[in-house]
């Protein structure tokens, strides 16, 4: 039942980062990242996580800047397995 699922705790996380919560789950499984660029030029990624046999999709979009540019250059210069464009 979803009320007994660890995911029922998500609305009560407060300031705890979602990633910190997810990676505490012993049975956590993560699918490959998918990357995308919005029409406004923002890059994003998403990935599906599973815990307690329940799915949760996490999507992030990044503000432009040097850190993001370095990440994108690293990805472009390296064959990255497990990533696709959505």
PDB file of N, CA and C in Angstrom:
ATOM      1  N   UNK A   1       0.853  -1.180   0.000  1.00  0.00           N
ATOM      2  CA  UNK A   1       0.000   0.000   0.000  1.00  0.00           C
ATOM      3  C   UNK A   1       0.889   1.230   0.000  1.00  0.00           C
ATOM      4  N   UNK A   2       0.516   2.243  -0.760  1.00  0.00           N
ATOM      5  CA  UNK A   2       1.389   3.407  -0.925  1.00  0.00           C
ATOM      6  C   UNK A   2       1.593   4.197   0.362  1.00  0.00           C
ATOM      7  N   UNK A   3       0.653   4.145   1.314  1.00  0.00           N
ATOM      8  CA  UNK A   3       0.834   4.897   2.556  1.00  0.00           C
ATOM      9  C   UNK A   3       1.970   4.340   3.398  1.00  0.00           C
ATOM     10  N   UNK A   4       2.286   3.056   3.240  1.00  0.00           N
ATOM     11  CA  UNK A   4       3.390   2.468   3.985  1.00  0.00           C
ATOM     12  C   UNK A   4       4.689   2.505   3.189  1.00  0.00           C
ATOM     13  N   UNK A   5       4.652   2.996   1.980  1.00  0.00           N
ATOM     14  CA  UNK A   5       5.833   3.102   1.136  1.00  0.00           C
ATOM     15  C   UNK A   5       6.759   4.190   1.662  1.00  0.00           C
ATOM     16  N   UNK A   6       8.076   3.995   1.517  1.00  0.00           N
ATOM     17  CA  UNK A   6       9.005   5.066   1.892  1.00  0.00           C
ATOM     18  C   UNK A   6       8.725   6.372   1.139  1.00  0.00           C
ATOM     19  N   UNK A   7       8.132   6.271  -0.041  1.00  0.00           N
ATOM     20  CA  UNK A   7       7.840   7.473  -0.827  1.00  0.00           C
ATOM     21  C   UNK A   7       6.795   8.355  -0.159  1.00  0.00           C
ATOM     22  N   UNK A   8       6.018   7.796   0.766  1.00  0.00           N
ATOM     23  CA  UNK A   8       5.032   8.601   1.493  1.00  0.00           C
ATOM     24  C   UNK A   8       5.704   9.671   2.348  1.00  0.00           C
ATOM     25  N   UNK A   9       7.005   9.525   2.606  1.00  0.00           N
ATOM     26  CA  UNK A   9       7.754  10.505   3.403  1.00  0.00           C
ATOM     27  C   UNK A   9       8.142  11.748   2.600  1.00  0.00           C
ATOM     28  N   UNK A  10       8.103  11.685   1.291  1.00  0.00           N
ATOM     29  CA  UNK A  10       8.588  12.790   0.451  1.00  0.00           C
ATOM     30  C   UNK A  10       7.909  14.120   0.770  1.00  0.00           C
ATOM     31  N   UNK A  11       6.589  14.187   0.928  1.00  0.00           N
ATOM     32  CA  UNK A  11       5.977  15.491   1.235  1.00  0.00           C
ATOM     33  C   UNK A  11       6.431  16.102   2.564  1.00  0.00           C
ATOM     34  N   UNK A  12       7.010  15.280   3.428  1.00  0.00           N
ATOM     35  CA  UNK A  12       7.446  15.768   4.743  1.00  0.00           C
ATOM     36  C   UNK A  12       8.957  15.978   4.833  1.00  0.00           C
ATOM     37  N   UNK A  13       9.657  16.013   3.716  1.00  0.00           N
ATOM     38  CA  UNK A  13      11.119  16.140   3.749  1.00  0.00           C
ATOM     39  C   UNK A  13      11.590  17.496   4.259  1.00  0.00           C
ATOM     40  N   UNK A  14      10.787  18.516   4.088  1.00  0.00           N
ATOM     41  CA  UNK A  14      11.222  19.854   4.516  1.00  0.00           C
ATOM     42  C   UNK A  14      12.422  20.305   3.704  1.00  0.00           C
ATOM     43  N   UNK A  15      13.533  20.613   4.374  1.00  0.00           N
ATOM     44  CA  UNK A  15      14.724  21.110   3.677  1.00  0.00           C
ATOM     45  C   UNK A  15      15.688  19.990   3.296  1.00  0.00           C
ATOM     46  N   UNK A  16      15.369  18.740   3.649  1.00  0.00           N
ATOM     47  CA  UNK A  16      16.242  17.626   3.261  1.00  0.00           C
ATOM     48  C   UNK A  16      16.188  17.461   1.746  1.00  0.00           C
ATOM     49  N   UNK A  17      17.332  17.395   1.076  1.00  0.00           N
ATOM     50  CA  UNK A  17      17.328  17.215  -0.379  1.00  0.00           C
ATOM     51  C   UNK A  17      16.695  15.877  -0.773  1.00  0.00           C
ATOM     52  N   UNK A  18      15.946  15.900  -1.862  1.00  0.00           N
ATOM     53  CA  UNK A  18      15.306  14.684  -2.355  1.00  0.00           C
ATOM     54  C   UNK A  18      16.346  13.608  -2.645  1.00  0.00           C
ATOM     55  N   UNK A  19      17.467  13.998  -3.254  1.00  0.00           N
ATOM     56  CA  UNK A  19      18.515  13.023  -3.570  1.00  0.00           C
ATOM     57  C   UNK A  19      19.044  12.328  -2.331  1.00  0.00           C
ATOM     58  N   UNK A  20      19.246  13.077  -1.257  1.00  0.00           N
ATOM     59  CA  UNK A  20      19.736  12.478  -0.010  1.00  0.00           C
ATOM     60  C   UNK A  20      18.743  11.440   0.502  1.00  0.00           C
ATOM     61  N   UNK A  21      17.463  11.759   0.428  1.00  0.00           N
ATOM     62  CA  UNK A  21      16.431  10.814   0.848  1.00  0.00           C
ATOM     63  C   UNK A  21      16.453   9.565  -0.031  1.00  0.00           C
ATOM     64  N   UNK A  22      16.471   9.759  -1.357  1.00  0.00           N
ATOM     65  CA  UNK A  22      16.416   8.615  -2.265  1.00  0.00           C
ATOM     66  C   UNK A  22      17.599   7.679  -2.065  1.00  0.00           C
ATOM     67  N   UNK A  23      18.798   8.240  -1.950  1.00  0.00           N
ATOM     68  CA  UNK A  23      19.982   7.390  -1.868  1.00  0.00           C
ATOM     69  C   UNK A  23      20.129   6.696  -0.518  1.00  0.00           C
ATOM     70  N   UNK A  24      19.275   7.011   0.446  1.00  0.00           N
ATOM     71  CA  UNK A  24      19.231   6.274   1.718  1.00  0.00           C
ATOM     72  C   UNK A  24      18.426   4.980   1.589  1.00  0.00           C
ATOM     73  N   UNK A  25      17.643   4.849   0.526  1.00  0.00           N
ATOM     74  CA  UNK A  25      16.773   3.688   0.365  1.00  0.00           C
ATOM     75  C   UNK A  25      17.608   2.477  -0.055  1.00  0.00           C
ATOM     76  N   UNK A  26      17.562   1.413   0.740  1.00  0.00           N
ATOM     77  CA  UNK A  26      18.393   0.226   0.502  1.00  0.00           C
ATOM     78  C   UNK A  26      18.076  -0.458  -0.824  1.00  0.00           C
ATOM     79  N   UNK A  27      16.828  -0.408  -1.261  1.00  0.00           N
ATOM     80  CA  UNK A  27      16.428  -1.112  -2.481  1.00  0.00           C
ATOM     81  C   UNK A  27      16.375  -0.196  -3.704  1.00  0.00           C
ATOM     82  N   UNK A  28      16.986   0.970  -3.629  1.00  0.00           N
ATOM     83  CA  UNK A  28      16.900   1.955  -4.711  1.00  0.00           C
ATOM     84  C   UNK A  28      17.497   1.407  -6.002  1.00  0.00           C
ATOM     85  N   UNK A  29      16.762   1.600  -7.086  1.00  0.00           N
ATOM     86  CA  UNK A  29      17.246   1.267  -8.429  1.00  0.00           C
ATOM     87  C   UNK A  29      17.016   2.494  -9.290  1.00  0.00           C
ATOM     88  N   UNK A  30      17.986   2.817 -10.124  1.00  0.00           N
ATOM     89  CA  UNK A  30      17.884   3.999 -10.974  1.00  0.00           C
ATOM     90  C   UNK A  30      18.079   3.599 -12.423  1.00  0.00           C
ATOM     91  N   UNK A  31      17.218   4.131 -13.297  1.00  0.00           N
ATOM     92  CA  UNK A  31      17.388   3.922 -14.731  1.00  0.00           C
ATOM     93  C   UNK A  31      18.355   4.966 -15.274  1.00  0.00           C
ATOM     94  N   UNK A  32      18.714   4.827 -16.520  1.00  0.00           N
ATOM     95  CA  UNK A  32      19.661   5.733 -17.167  1.00  0.00           C
ATOM     96  C   UNK A  32      19.147   7.164 -17.206  1.00  0.00           C
ATOM     97  N   UNK A  33      20.092   8.105 -17.234  1.00  0.00           N
ATOM     98  CA  UNK A  33      19.739   9.512 -17.433  1.00  0.00           C
ATOM     99  C   UNK A  33      19.256   9.726 -18.855  1.00  0.00           C
ATOM    100  N   UNK A  34      18.375  10.686 -19.018  1.00  0.00           N
ATOM    101  CA  UNK A  34      18.001  11.212 -20.319  1.00  0.00           C
ATOM    102  C   UNK A  34      18.300  12.701 -20.266  1.00  0.00           C
ATOM    103  N   UNK A  35      18.900  13.234 -21.337  1.00  0.00           N
ATOM    104  CA  UNK A  35      19.264  14.648 -21.410  1.00  0.00           C
ATOM    105  C   UNK A  35      18.410  15.356 -22.443  1.00  0.00           C
ATOM    106  N   UNK A  36      18.164  16.647 -22.222  1.00  0.00           N
ATOM    107  CA  UNK A  36      17.397  17.447 -23.176  1.00  0.00           C
ATOM    108  C   UNK A  36      17.814  18.904 -23.071  1.00  0.00           C
ATOM    109  N   UNK A  37      17.622  19.627 -24.176  1.00  0.00           N
ATOM    110  CA  UNK A  37      17.807  21.077 -24.190  1.00  0.00           C
ATOM    111  C   UNK A  37      16.456  21.701 -24.512  1.00  0.00           C
ATOM    112  N   UNK A  38      16.017  22.641 -23.681  1.00  0.00           N
ATOM    113  CA  UNK A  38      14.731  23.301 -23.910  1.00  0.00           C
ATOM    114  C   UNK A  38      14.849  24.267 -25.083  1.00  0.00           C
ATOM    115  N   UNK A  39      13.711  24.728 -25.581  1.00  0.00           N
ATOM    116  CA  UNK A  39      13.722  25.692 -26.686  1.00  0.00           C
ATOM    117  C   UNK A  39      14.368  27.008 -26.268  1.00  0.00           C
ATOM    118  N   UNK A  40      14.428  27.284 -24.962  1.00  0.00           N
ATOM    119  CA  UNK A  40      15.074  28.501 -24.453  1.00  0.00           C
ATOM    120  C   UNK A  40      16.571  28.298 -24.211  1.00  0.00           C
ATOM    121  N   UNK A  41      17.075  27.088 -24.480  1.00  0.00           N
ATOM    122  CA  UNK A  41      18.500  26.831 -24.338  1.00  0.00           C
ATOM    123  C   UNK A  41      18.936  26.294 -22.989  1.00  0.00           C
ATOM    124  N   UNK A  42      17.990  25.932 -22.133  1.00  0.00           N
ATOM    125  CA  UNK A  42      18.340  25.348 -20.834  1.00  0.00           C
ATOM    126  C   UNK A  42      18.494  23.835 -20.976  1.00  0.00           C
ATOM    127  N   UNK A  43      19.520  23.290 -20.340  1.00  0.00           N
ATOM    128  CA  UNK A  43      19.738  21.852 -20.356  1.00  0.00           C
ATOM    129  C   UNK A  43      19.092  21.221 -19.135  1.00  0.00           C
ATOM    130  N   UNK A  44      18.592  20.013 -19.345  1.00  0.00           N
ATOM    131  CA  UNK A  44      17.980  19.283 -18.251  1.00  0.00           C
ATOM    132  C   UNK A  44      18.292  17.810 -18.344  1.00  0.00           C
ATOM    133  N   UNK A  45      17.978  17.116 -17.275  1.00  0.00           N
ATOM    134  CA  UNK A  45      18.125  15.667 -17.257  1.00  0.00           C
ATOM    135  C   UNK A  45      16.992  15.086 -16.424  1.00  0.00           C
ATOM    136  N   UNK A  46      16.685  13.836 -16.710  1.00  0.00           N
ATOM    137  CA  UNK A  46      15.697  13.135 -15.903  1.00  0.00           C
ATOM    138  C   UNK A  46      16.118  11.676 -15.780  1.00  0.00           C
ATOM    139  N   UNK A  47      15.627  11.065 -14.733  1.00  0.00           N
ATOM    140  CA  UNK A  47      15.909   9.662 -14.482  1.00  0.00           C
ATOM    141  C   UNK A  47      14.760   9.091 -13.662  1.00  0.00           C
ATOM    142  N   UNK A  48      14.455   7.836 -13.914  1.00  0.00           N
ATOM    143  CA  UNK A  48      13.418   7.148 -13.158  1.00  0.00           C
ATOM    144  C   UNK A  48      14.088   6.346 -12.046  1.00  0.00           C
ATOM    145  N   UNK A  49      13.582   6.526 -10.832  1.00  0.00           N
ATOM    146  CA  UNK A  49      14.041   5.765  -9.673  1.00  0.00           C
ATOM    147  C   UNK A  49      12.933   4.811  -9.261  1.00  0.00           C
ATOM    148  N   UNK A  50      13.324   3.702  -8.643  1.00  0.00           N
ATOM    149  CA  UNK A  50      12.357   2.758  -8.086  1.00  0.00           C
ATOM    150  C   UNK A  50      12.797   2.412  -6.673  1.00  0.00           C
ATOM    151  N   UNK A  51      11.873   2.477  -5.731  1.00  0.00           N
ATOM    152  CA  UNK A  51      12.093   2.020  -4.370  1.00  0.00           C
ATOM    153  C   UNK A  51      10.772   1.464  -3.865  1.00  0.00           C
ATOM    154  N   UNK A  52      10.836   0.385  -3.118  1.00  0.00           N
ATOM    155  CA  UNK A  52       9.625  -0.308  -2.659  1.00  0.00           C
ATOM    156  C   UNK A  52       8.714  -0.626  -3.845  1.00  0.00           C
ATOM    157  N   UNK A  53       9.335  -0.948  -4.988  1.00  0.00           N
ATOM    158  CA  UNK A  53       8.621  -1.270  -6.233  1.00  0.00           C
ATOM    159  C   UNK A  53       7.758  -0.124  -6.741  1.00  0.00           C
ATOM    160  N   UNK A  54       8.022   1.088  -6.301  1.00  0.00           N
ATOM    161  CA  UNK A  54       7.265   2.265  -6.737  1.00  0.00           C
ATOM    162  C   UNK A  54       8.179   3.167  -7.560  1.00  0.00           C
ATOM    163  N   UNK A  55       7.664   3.721  -8.677  1.00  0.00           N
ATOM    164  CA  UNK A  55       8.485   4.614  -9.501  1.00  0.00           C
ATOM    165  C   UNK A  55       8.382   6.067  -9.043  1.00  0.00           C
ATOM    166  N   UNK A  56       9.464   6.788  -9.245  1.00  0.00           N
ATOM    167  CA  UNK A  56       9.450   8.245  -9.074  1.00  0.00           C
ATOM    168  C   UNK A  56      10.396   8.828 -10.117  1.00  0.00           C
ATOM    169  N   UNK A  57       9.870   9.737 -10.941  1.00  0.00           N
ATOM    170  CA  UNK A  57      10.710  10.385 -11.944  1.00  0.00           C
ATOM    171  C   UNK A  57      11.233  11.694 -11.365  1.00  0.00           C
ATOM    172  N   UNK A  58      12.532  11.886 -11.493  1.00  0.00           N
ATOM    173  CA  UNK A  58      13.174  13.115 -11.036  1.00  0.00           C
ATOM    174  C   UNK A  58      13.723  13.822 -12.268  1.00  0.00           C
ATOM    175  N   UNK A  59      13.314  15.069 -12.456  1.00  0.00           N
ATOM    176  CA  UNK A  59      13.783  15.881 -13.579  1.00  0.00           C
ATOM    177  C   UNK A  59      14.375  17.171 -13.038  1.00  0.00           C
ATOM    178  N   UNK A  60      15.473  17.608 -13.643  1.00  0.00           N
ATOM    179  CA  UNK A  60      16.158  18.836 -13.230  1.00  0.00           C
ATOM    180  C   UNK A  60      16.505  19.638 -14.473  1.00  0.00           C
ATOM    181  N   UNK A  61      16.379  20.944 -14.380  1.00  0.00           N
ATOM    182  CA  UNK A  61      16.907  21.837 -15.409  1.00  0.00           C
ATOM    183  C   UNK A  61      17.930  22.735 -14.756  1.00  0.00           C
ATOM    184  N   UNK A  62      18.978  23.078 -15.508  1.00  0.00           N
ATOM    185  CA  UNK A  62      20.129  23.779 -14.952  1.00  0.00           C
ATOM    186  C   UNK A  62      20.206  25.201 -15.475  1.00  0.00           C
ATOM    187  N   UNK A  63      20.556  26.124 -14.590  1.00  0.00           N
ATOM    188  CA  UNK A  63      20.841  27.492 -15.004  1.00  0.00           C
ATOM    189  C   UNK A  63      22.131  27.498 -15.807  1.00  0.00           C
ATOM    190  N   UNK A  64      22.196  28.309 -16.856  1.00  0.00           N
ATOM    191  CA  UNK A  64      23.435  28.372 -17.627  1.00  0.00           C
ATOM    192  C   UNK A  64      24.568  28.918 -16.760  1.00  0.00           C
ATOM    193  N   UNK A  65      25.757  28.524 -17.083  1.00  0.00           N
ATOM    194  CA  UNK A  65      26.918  29.010 -16.344  1.00  0.00           C
ATOM    195  C   UNK A  65      28.132  28.157 -16.613  1.00  0.00           C
ATOM    196  N   UNK A  66      29.243  28.542 -16.019  1.00  0.00           N
ATOM    197  CA  UNK A  66      30.505  27.849 -16.264  1.00  0.00           C
ATOM    198  C   UNK A  66      30.460  26.393 -15.816  1.00  0.00           C
ATOM    199  N   UNK A  67      29.855  26.133 -14.672  1.00  0.00           N
ATOM    200  CA  UNK A  67      29.804  24.763 -14.162  1.00  0.00           C
ATOM    201  C   UNK A  67      29.041  23.858 -15.132  1.00  0.00           C
ATOM    202  N   UNK A  68      27.900  24.330 -15.620  1.00  0.00           N
ATOM    203  CA  UNK A  68      27.120  23.555 -16.573  1.00  0.00           C
ATOM    204  C   UNK A  68      27.891  23.380 -17.870  1.00  0.00           C
ATOM    205  N   UNK A  69      28.533  24.441 -18.345  1.00  0.00           N
ATOM    206  CA  UNK A  69      29.302  24.345 -19.587  1.00  0.00           C
ATOM    207  C   UNK A  69      30.408  23.303 -19.468  1.00  0.00           C
ATOM    208  N   UNK A  70      31.096  23.260 -18.321  1.00  0.00           N
ATOM    209  CA  UNK A  70      32.147  22.251 -18.121  1.00  0.00           C
ATOM    210  C   UNK A  70      31.547  20.847 -18.144  1.00  0.00           C
ATOM    211  N   UNK A  71      30.401  20.679 -17.503  1.00  0.00           N
ATOM    212  CA  UNK A  71      29.741  19.376 -17.496  1.00  0.00           C
ATOM    213  C   UNK A  71      29.363  18.953 -18.909  1.00  0.00           C
ATOM    214  N   UNK A  72      28.768  19.862 -19.676  1.00  0.00           N
ATOM    215  CA  UNK A  72      28.358  19.528 -21.043  1.00  0.00           C
ATOM    216  C   UNK A  72      29.561  19.225 -21.923  1.00  0.00           C
ATOM    217  N   UNK A  73      30.662  19.963 -21.742  1.00  0.00           N
ATOM    218  CA  UNK A  73      31.868  19.691 -22.522  1.00  0.00           C
ATOM    219  C   UNK A  73      32.428  18.321 -22.159  1.00  0.00           C
ATOM    220  N   UNK A  74      32.379  17.971 -20.894  1.00  0.00           N
ATOM    221  CA  UNK A  74      32.856  16.659 -20.460  1.00  0.00           C
ATOM    222  C   UNK A  74      32.007  15.557 -21.084  1.00  0.00           C
ATOM    223  N   UNK A  75      30.689  15.746 -21.068  1.00  0.00           N
ATOM    224  CA  UNK A  75      29.790  14.755 -21.664  1.00  0.00           C
ATOM    225  C   UNK A  75      30.030  14.658 -23.163  1.00  0.00           C
ATOM    226  N   UNK A  76      30.183  15.799 -23.838  1.00  0.00           N
ATOM    227  CA  UNK A  76      30.376  15.810 -25.288  1.00  0.00           C
ATOM    228  C   UNK A  76      31.704  15.175 -25.680  1.00  0.00           C
ATOM    229  N   UNK A  77      32.713  15.316 -24.832  1.00  0.00           N
ATOM    230  CA  UNK A  77      34.035  14.792 -25.153  1.00  0.00           C
ATOM    231  C   UNK A  77      34.243  13.354 -24.746  1.00  0.00           C
ATOM    232  N   UNK A  78      33.262  12.754 -24.136  1.00  0.00           N
ATOM    233  CA  UNK A  78      33.387  11.398 -23.620  1.00  0.00           C
ATOM    234  C   UNK A  78      32.153  10.615 -24.023  1.00  0.00           C
ATOM    235  N   UNK A  79      32.364   9.376 -24.383  1.00  0.00           N
ATOM    236  CA  UNK A  79      31.204   8.524 -24.630  1.00  0.00           C
ATOM    237  C   UNK A  79      30.584   8.194 -23.284  1.00  0.00           C
ATOM    238  N   UNK A  80      29.379   8.620 -23.080  1.00  0.00           N
ATOM    239  CA  UNK A  80      28.695   8.416 -21.809  1.00  0.00           C
ATOM    240  C   UNK A  80      27.642   7.337 -22.010  1.00  0.00           C
ATOM    241  N   UNK A  81      27.854   6.198 -21.381  1.00  0.00           N
ATOM    242  CA  UNK A  81      26.875   5.118 -21.524  1.00  0.00           C
ATOM    243  C   UNK A  81      25.671   5.397 -20.636  1.00  0.00           C
ATOM    244  N   UNK A  82      24.536   4.919 -21.054  1.00  0.00           N
ATOM    245  CA  UNK A  82      23.337   5.036 -20.241  1.00  0.00           C
ATOM    246  C   UNK A  82      22.667   6.390 -20.299  1.00  0.00           C
ATOM    247  N   UNK A  83      22.958   7.205 -21.312  1.00  0.00           N
ATOM    248  CA  UNK A  83      22.292   8.504 -21.442  1.00  0.00           C
ATOM    249  C   UNK A  83      21.623   8.584 -22.803  1.00  0.00           C
ATOM    250  N   UNK A  84      20.489   9.224 -22.851  1.00  0.00           N
ATOM    251  CA  UNK A  84      19.806   9.461 -24.112  1.00  0.00           C
ATOM    252  C   UNK A  84      19.163  10.831 -24.066  1.00  0.00           C
ATOM    253  N   UNK A  85      18.795  11.336 -25.226  1.00  0.00           N
ATOM    254  CA  UNK A  85      18.144  12.640 -25.330  1.00  0.00           C
ATOM    255  C   UNK A  85      16.639  12.415 -25.356  1.00  0.00           C
ATOM    256  N   UNK A  86      15.904  13.184 -24.554  1.00  0.00           N
ATOM    257  CA  UNK A  86      14.433  13.058 -24.573  1.00  0.00           C
ATOM    258  C   UNK A  86      13.818  14.296 -25.137  1.00  0.00           C
TER     259      UNK A  86
END
